[in-house]
Amino acid sequence: MGINSEKDVEANLQIGPTDQGMVRIFVESQGVEVPMDFTAEEAIEIADEIRAAASAVQGMNKR
């Protein structure tokens, strides 16, 4: 499965701080839970990548 492959799968996404001082991205789908913990710096990098991707999509949609 690649970034451009569409799938008809629903998932729940939660993002928040943990009591251990990490940022957790928690994905749950079809009974599978995937907790991913990141430092604040890593989480900021991820947020920057999401913003960059959103900006690229906005640019594509304006054509």
PDB file of N, CA and C in Angstrom:
ATOM      1  N   MET A   1       0.854  -1.175   0.000  1.00  0.00           N
ATOM      2  CA  MET A   1       0.000   0.000   0.000  1.00  0.00           C
ATOM      3  C   MET A   1       0.896   1.232   0.000  1.00  0.00           C
ATOM      4  N   GLY A   2       0.651   2.106  -0.928  1.00  0.00           N
ATOM      5  CA  GLY A   2       1.425   3.334  -1.010  1.00  0.00           C
ATOM      6  C   GLY A   2       0.605   4.537  -0.595  1.00  0.00           C
ATOM      7  N   ILE A   3       1.247   5.677  -0.617  1.00  0.00           N
ATOM      8  CA  ILE A   3       0.600   6.917  -0.175  1.00  0.00           C
ATOM      9  C   ILE A   3      -0.590   7.278  -1.080  1.00  0.00           C
ATOM     10  N   ASN A   4      -0.558   6.841  -2.337  1.00  0.00           N
ATOM     11  CA  ASN A   4      -1.631   7.174  -3.264  1.00  0.00           C
ATOM     12  C   ASN A   4      -2.644   6.058  -3.459  1.00  0.00           C
ATOM     13  N   SER A   5      -2.519   4.974  -2.714  1.00  0.00           N
ATOM     14  CA  SER A   5      -3.470   3.866  -2.810  1.00  0.00           C
ATOM     15  C   SER A   5      -4.646   4.138  -1.873  1.00  0.00           C
ATOM     16  N   GLU A   6      -5.841   4.179  -2.448  1.00  0.00           N
ATOM     17  CA  GLU A   6      -7.032   4.401  -1.624  1.00  0.00           C
ATOM     18  C   GLU A   6      -7.520   3.085  -1.048  1.00  0.00           C
ATOM     19  N   LYS A   7      -7.956   3.128   0.189  1.00  0.00           N
ATOM     20  CA  LYS A   7      -8.532   1.967   0.869  1.00  0.00           C
ATOM     21  C   LYS A   7      -9.818   2.407   1.553  1.00  0.00           C
ATOM     22  N   ASP A   8     -10.767   1.500   1.628  1.00  0.00           N
ATOM     23  CA  ASP A   8     -12.033   1.796   2.289  1.00  0.00           C
ATOM     24  C   ASP A   8     -11.971   1.262   3.724  1.00  0.00           C
ATOM     25  N   VAL A   9     -11.105   1.875   4.528  1.00  0.00           N
ATOM     26  CA  VAL A   9     -10.912   1.467   5.914  1.00  0.00           C
ATOM     27  C   VAL A   9     -11.106   2.693   6.801  1.00  0.00           C
ATOM     28  N   GLU A  10     -11.879   2.526   7.849  1.00  0.00           N
ATOM     29  CA  GLU A  10     -12.065   3.615   8.805  1.00  0.00           C
ATOM     30  C   GLU A  10     -11.094   3.444   9.960  1.00  0.00           C
ATOM     31  N   ALA A  11     -10.624   4.569  10.481  1.00  0.00           N
ATOM     32  CA  ALA A  11      -9.708   4.535  11.624  1.00  0.00           C
ATOM     33  C   ALA A  11     -10.000   5.729  12.511  1.00  0.00           C
ATOM     34  N   ASN A  12      -9.719   5.558  13.785  1.00  0.00           N
ATOM     35  CA  ASN A  12      -9.821   6.652  14.745  1.00  0.00           C
ATOM     36  C   ASN A  12      -8.407   7.160  15.027  1.00  0.00           C
ATOM     37  N   LEU A  13      -8.273   8.471  15.105  1.00  0.00           N
ATOM     38  CA  LEU A  13      -6.990   9.093  15.358  1.00  0.00           C
ATOM     39  C   LEU A  13      -7.119  10.010  16.561  1.00  0.00           C
ATOM     40  N   GLN A  14      -6.213   9.837  17.520  1.00  0.00           N
ATOM     41  CA  GLN A  14      -6.155  10.718  18.683  1.00  0.00           C
ATOM     42  C   GLN A  14      -4.720  11.218  18.816  1.00  0.00           C
ATOM     43  N   ILE A  15      -4.579  12.475  19.183  1.00  0.00           N
ATOM     44  CA  ILE A  15      -3.260  13.068  19.379  1.00  0.00           C
ATOM     45  C   ILE A  15      -3.288  13.849  20.684  1.00  0.00           C
ATOM     46  N   GLY A  16      -2.274  13.641  21.518  1.00  0.00           N
ATOM     47  CA  GLY A  16      -2.230  14.384  22.770  1.00  0.00           C
ATOM     48  C   GLY A  16      -0.970  14.088  23.552  1.00  0.00           C
ATOM     49  N   PRO A  17      -0.770  14.828  24.637  1.00  0.00           N
ATOM     50  CA  PRO A  17       0.405  14.616  25.479  1.00  0.00           C
ATOM     51  C   PRO A  17       0.206  13.418  26.399  1.00  0.00           C
ATOM     52  N   THR A  18       1.309  12.745  26.717  1.00  0.00           N
ATOM     53  CA  THR A  18       1.250  11.645  27.682  1.00  0.00           C
ATOM     54  C   THR A  18       1.746  12.152  29.037  1.00  0.00           C
ATOM     55  N   ASP A  19       1.525  11.344  30.056  1.00  0.00           N
ATOM     56  CA  ASP A  19       2.020  11.716  31.382  1.00  0.00           C
ATOM     57  C   ASP A  19       3.531  11.497  31.502  1.00  0.00           C
ATOM     58  N   GLN A  20       4.143  10.986  30.443  1.00  0.00           N
ATOM     59  CA  GLN A  20       5.591  10.780  30.413  1.00  0.00           C
ATOM     60  C   GLN A  20       6.310  11.893  29.641  1.00  0.00           C
ATOM     61  N   GLY A  21       5.574  12.948  29.267  1.00  0.00           N
ATOM     62  CA  GLY A  21       6.176  14.074  28.560  1.00  0.00           C
ATOM     63  C   GLY A  21       6.408  13.843  27.084  1.00  0.00           C
ATOM     64  N   MET A  22       5.647  12.938  26.509  1.00  0.00           N
ATOM     65  CA  MET A  22       5.748  12.654  25.076  1.00  0.00           C
ATOM     66  C   MET A  22       4.463  13.096  24.391  1.00  0.00           C
ATOM     67  N   VAL A  23       4.523  13.181  23.080  1.00  0.00           N
ATOM     68  CA  VAL A  23       3.318  13.424  22.290  1.00  0.00           C
ATOM     69  C   VAL A  23       2.941  12.085  21.675  1.00  0.00           C
ATOM     70  N   ARG A  24       1.696  11.665  21.899  1.00  0.00           N
ATOM     71  CA  ARG A  24       1.260  10.374  21.376  1.00  0.00           C
ATOM     72  C   ARG A  24       0.286  10.578  20.225  1.00  0.00           C
ATOM     73  N   ILE A  25       0.556   9.872  19.143  1.00  0.00           N
ATOM     74  CA  ILE A  25      -0.411   9.718  18.051  1.00  0.00           C
ATOM     75  C   ILE A  25      -0.930   8.298  18.205  1.00  0.00           C
ATOM     76  N   PHE A  26      -2.226   8.167  18.381  1.00  0.00           N
ATOM     77  CA  PHE A  26      -2.850   6.881  18.654  1.00  0.00           C
ATOM     78  C   PHE A  26      -3.839   6.592  17.539  1.00  0.00           C
ATOM     79  N   VAL A  27      -3.608   5.492  16.828  1.00  0.00           N
ATOM     80  CA  VAL A  27      -4.477   5.098  15.719  1.00  0.00           C
ATOM     81  C   VAL A  27      -5.127   3.770  16.090  1.00  0.00           C
ATOM     82  N   GLU A  28      -6.438   3.680  15.888  1.00  0.00           N
ATOM     83  CA  GLU A  28      -7.175   2.448  16.142  1.00  0.00           C
ATOM     84  C   GLU A  28      -8.033   2.148  14.929  1.00  0.00           C
ATOM     85  N   SER A  29      -7.916   0.908  14.442  1.00  0.00           N
ATOM     86  CA  SER A  29      -8.723   0.492  13.294  1.00  0.00           C
ATOM     87  C   SER A  29      -8.930  -1.009  13.346  1.00  0.00           C
ATOM     88  N   GLN A  30     -10.145  -1.423  13.211  1.00  0.00           N
ATOM     89  CA  GLN A  30     -10.521  -2.834  13.144  1.00  0.00           C
ATOM     90  C   GLN A  30      -9.911  -3.641  14.298  1.00  0.00           C
ATOM     91  N   GLY A  31      -9.940  -3.091  15.492  1.00  0.00           N
ATOM     92  CA  GLY A  31      -9.454  -3.782  16.673  1.00  0.00           C
ATOM     93  C   GLY A  31      -7.953  -3.722  16.882  1.00  0.00           C
ATOM     94  N   VAL A  32      -7.235  -3.062  15.979  1.00  0.00           N
ATOM     95  CA  VAL A  32      -5.785  -2.919  16.116  1.00  0.00           C
ATOM     96  C   VAL A  32      -5.489  -1.520  16.631  1.00  0.00           C
ATOM     97  N   GLU A  33      -4.691  -1.439  17.696  1.00  0.00           N
ATOM     98  CA  GLU A  33      -4.319  -0.156  18.282  1.00  0.00           C
ATOM     99  C   GLU A  33      -2.832   0.084  18.045  1.00  0.00           C
ATOM    100  N   VAL A  34      -2.495   1.282  17.550  1.00  0.00           N
ATOM    101  CA  VAL A  34      -1.102   1.628  17.291  1.00  0.00           C
ATOM    102  C   VAL A  34      -0.778   2.933  18.017  1.00  0.00           C
ATOM    103  N   PRO A  35      -0.130   2.839  19.187  1.00  0.00           N
ATOM    104  CA  PRO A  35       0.303   4.046  19.880  1.00  0.00           C
ATOM    105  C   PRO A  35       1.725   4.401  19.425  1.00  0.00           C
ATOM    106  N   MET A  36       1.929   5.653  19.036  1.00  0.00           N
ATOM    107  CA  MET A  36       3.253   6.108  18.602  1.00  0.00           C
ATOM    108  C   MET A  36       3.628   7.321  19.433  1.00  0.00           C
ATOM    109  N   ASP A  37       4.723   7.232  20.160  1.00  0.00           N
ATOM    110  CA  ASP A  37       5.171   8.320  21.035  1.00  0.00           C
ATOM    111  C   ASP A  37       6.344   9.059  20.411  1.00  0.00           C
ATOM    112  N   PHE A  38       6.320  10.397  20.533  1.00  0.00           N
ATOM    113  CA  PHE A  38       7.345  11.249  19.946  1.00  0.00           C
ATOM    114  C   PHE A  38       7.753  12.308  20.958  1.00  0.00           C
ATOM    115  N   THR A  39       9.010  12.743  20.852  1.00  0.00           N
ATOM    116  CA  THR A  39       9.451  13.886  21.648  1.00  0.00           C
ATOM    117  C   THR A  39       8.750  15.123  21.097  1.00  0.00           C
ATOM    118  N   ALA A  40       8.799  16.206  21.845  1.00  0.00           N
ATOM    119  CA  ALA A  40       8.187  17.457  21.375  1.00  0.00           C
ATOM    120  C   ALA A  40       8.806  17.887  20.046  1.00  0.00           C
ATOM    121  N   GLU A  41      10.122  17.757  19.928  1.00  0.00           N
ATOM    122  CA  GLU A  41      10.805  18.161  18.697  1.00  0.00           C
ATOM    123  C   GLU A  41      10.364  17.311  17.508  1.00  0.00           C
ATOM    124  N   GLU A  42      10.236  16.003  17.724  1.00  0.00           N
ATOM    125  CA  GLU A  42       9.770  15.120  16.650  1.00  0.00           C
ATOM    126  C   GLU A  42       8.340  15.464  16.251  1.00  0.00           C
ATOM    127  N   ALA A  43       7.506  15.744  17.244  1.00  0.00           N
ATOM    128  CA  ALA A  43       6.107  16.083  16.965  1.00  0.00           C
ATOM    129  C   ALA A  43       6.012  17.371  16.157  1.00  0.00           C
ATOM    130  N   ILE A  44       6.862  18.332  16.455  1.00  0.00           N
ATOM    131  CA  ILE A  44       6.876  19.585  15.685  1.00  0.00           C
ATOM    132  C   ILE A  44       7.295  19.310  14.244  1.00  0.00           C
ATOM    133  N   GLU A  45       8.284  18.436  14.049  1.00  0.00           N
ATOM    134  CA  GLU A  45       8.699  18.055  12.693  1.00  0.00           C
ATOM    135  C   GLU A  45       7.540  17.418  11.933  1.00  0.00           C
ATOM    136  N   ILE A  46       6.814  16.523  12.594  1.00  0.00           N
ATOM    137  CA  ILE A  46       5.663  15.868  11.972  1.00  0.00           C
ATOM    138  C   ILE A  46       4.606  16.907  11.603  1.00  0.00           C
ATOM    139  N   ALA A  47       4.332  17.828  12.518  1.00  0.00           N
ATOM    140  CA  ALA A  47       3.348  18.883  12.260  1.00  0.00           C
ATOM    141  C   ALA A  47       3.779  19.726  11.065  1.00  0.00           C
ATOM    142  N   ASP A  48       5.067  20.039  10.966  1.00  0.00           N
ATOM    143  CA  ASP A  48       5.582  20.811   9.825  1.00  0.00           C
ATOM    144  C   ASP A  48       5.387  20.046   8.518  1.00  0.00           C
ATOM    145  N   GLU A  49       5.614  18.728   8.541  1.00  0.00           N
ATOM    146  CA  GLU A  49       5.417  17.914   7.346  1.00  0.00           C
ATOM    147  C   GLU A  49       3.944  17.881   6.933  1.00  0.00           C
ATOM    148  N   ILE A  50       3.055  17.810   7.913  1.00  0.00           N
ATOM    149  CA  ILE A  50       1.612  17.826   7.607  1.00  0.00           C
ATOM    150  C   ILE A  50       1.227  19.169   6.999  1.00  0.00           C
ATOM    151  N   ARG A  51       1.728  20.262   7.573  1.00  0.00           N
ATOM    152  CA  ARG A  51       1.441  21.594   7.021  1.00  0.00           C
ATOM    153  C   ARG A  51       1.965  21.730   5.596  1.00  0.00           C
ATOM    154  N   ALA A  52       3.165  21.222   5.337  1.00  0.00           N
ATOM    155  CA  ALA A  52       3.756  21.301   3.997  1.00  0.00           C
ATOM    156  C   ALA A  52       2.914  20.506   2.993  1.00  0.00           C
ATOM    157  N   ALA A  53       2.456  19.332   3.404  1.00  0.00           N
ATOM    158  CA  ALA A  53       1.621  18.524   2.519  1.00  0.00           C
ATOM    159  C   ALA A  53       0.287  19.221   2.246  1.00  0.00           C
ATOM    160  N   ALA A  54      -0.300  19.824   3.276  1.00  0.00           N
ATOM    161  CA  ALA A  54      -1.567  20.543   3.096  1.00  0.00           C
ATOM    162  C   ALA A  54      -1.378  21.735   2.162  1.00  0.00           C
ATOM    163  N   SER A  55      -0.271  22.437   2.301  1.00  0.00           N
ATOM    164  CA  SER A  55       0.004  23.576   1.414  1.00  0.00           C
ATOM    165  C   SER A  55       0.178  23.106  -0.023  1.00  0.00           C
ATOM    166  N   ALA A  56       0.844  21.962  -0.210  1.00  0.00           N
ATOM    167  CA  ALA A  56       1.029  21.425  -1.562  1.00  0.00           C
ATOM    168  C   ALA A  56      -0.311  21.072  -2.188  1.00  0.00           C
ATOM    169  N   VAL A  57      -1.198  20.496  -1.400  1.00  0.00           N
ATOM    170  CA  VAL A  57      -2.527  20.129  -1.908  1.00  0.00           C
ATOM    171  C   VAL A  57      -3.319  21.395  -2.258  1.00  0.00           C
ATOM    172  N   GLN A  58      -3.232  22.409  -1.404  1.00  0.00           N
ATOM    173  CA  GLN A  58      -3.932  23.660  -1.709  1.00  0.00           C
ATOM    174  C   GLN A  58      -3.428  24.238  -3.018  1.00  0.00           C
ATOM    175  N   GLY A  59      -2.134  24.169  -3.248  1.00  0.00           N
ATOM    176  CA  GLY A  59      -1.558  24.659  -4.494  1.00  0.00           C
ATOM    177  C   GLY A  59      -2.045  23.883  -5.699  1.00  0.00           C
ATOM    178  N   MET A  60      -2.200  22.566  -5.548  1.00  0.00           N
ATOM    179  CA  MET A  60      -2.693  21.717  -6.636  1.00  0.00           C
ATOM    180  C   MET A  60      -4.150  22.048  -6.947  1.00  0.00           C
ATOM    181  N   ASN A  61      -4.936  22.325  -5.919  1.00  0.00           N
ATOM    182  CA  ASN A  61      -6.364  22.572  -6.108  1.00  0.00           C
ATOM    183  C   ASN A  61      -6.657  23.938  -6.700  1.00  0.00           C
ATOM    184  N   LYS A  62      -5.696  24.844  -6.709  1.00  0.00           N
ATOM    185  CA  LYS A  62      -5.909  26.180  -7.264  1.00  0.00           C
ATOM    186  C   LYS A  62      -5.673  26.241  -8.768  1.00  0.00           C
ATOM    187  N   ARG A  63      -5.157  25.168  -9.336  1.00  0.00           N
ATOM    188  CA  ARG A  63      -4.848  25.144 -10.772  1.00  0.00           C
ATOM    189  C   ARG A  63      -6.075  25.023 -11.615  1.00  0.00           C
TER     190      ARG A  63
END
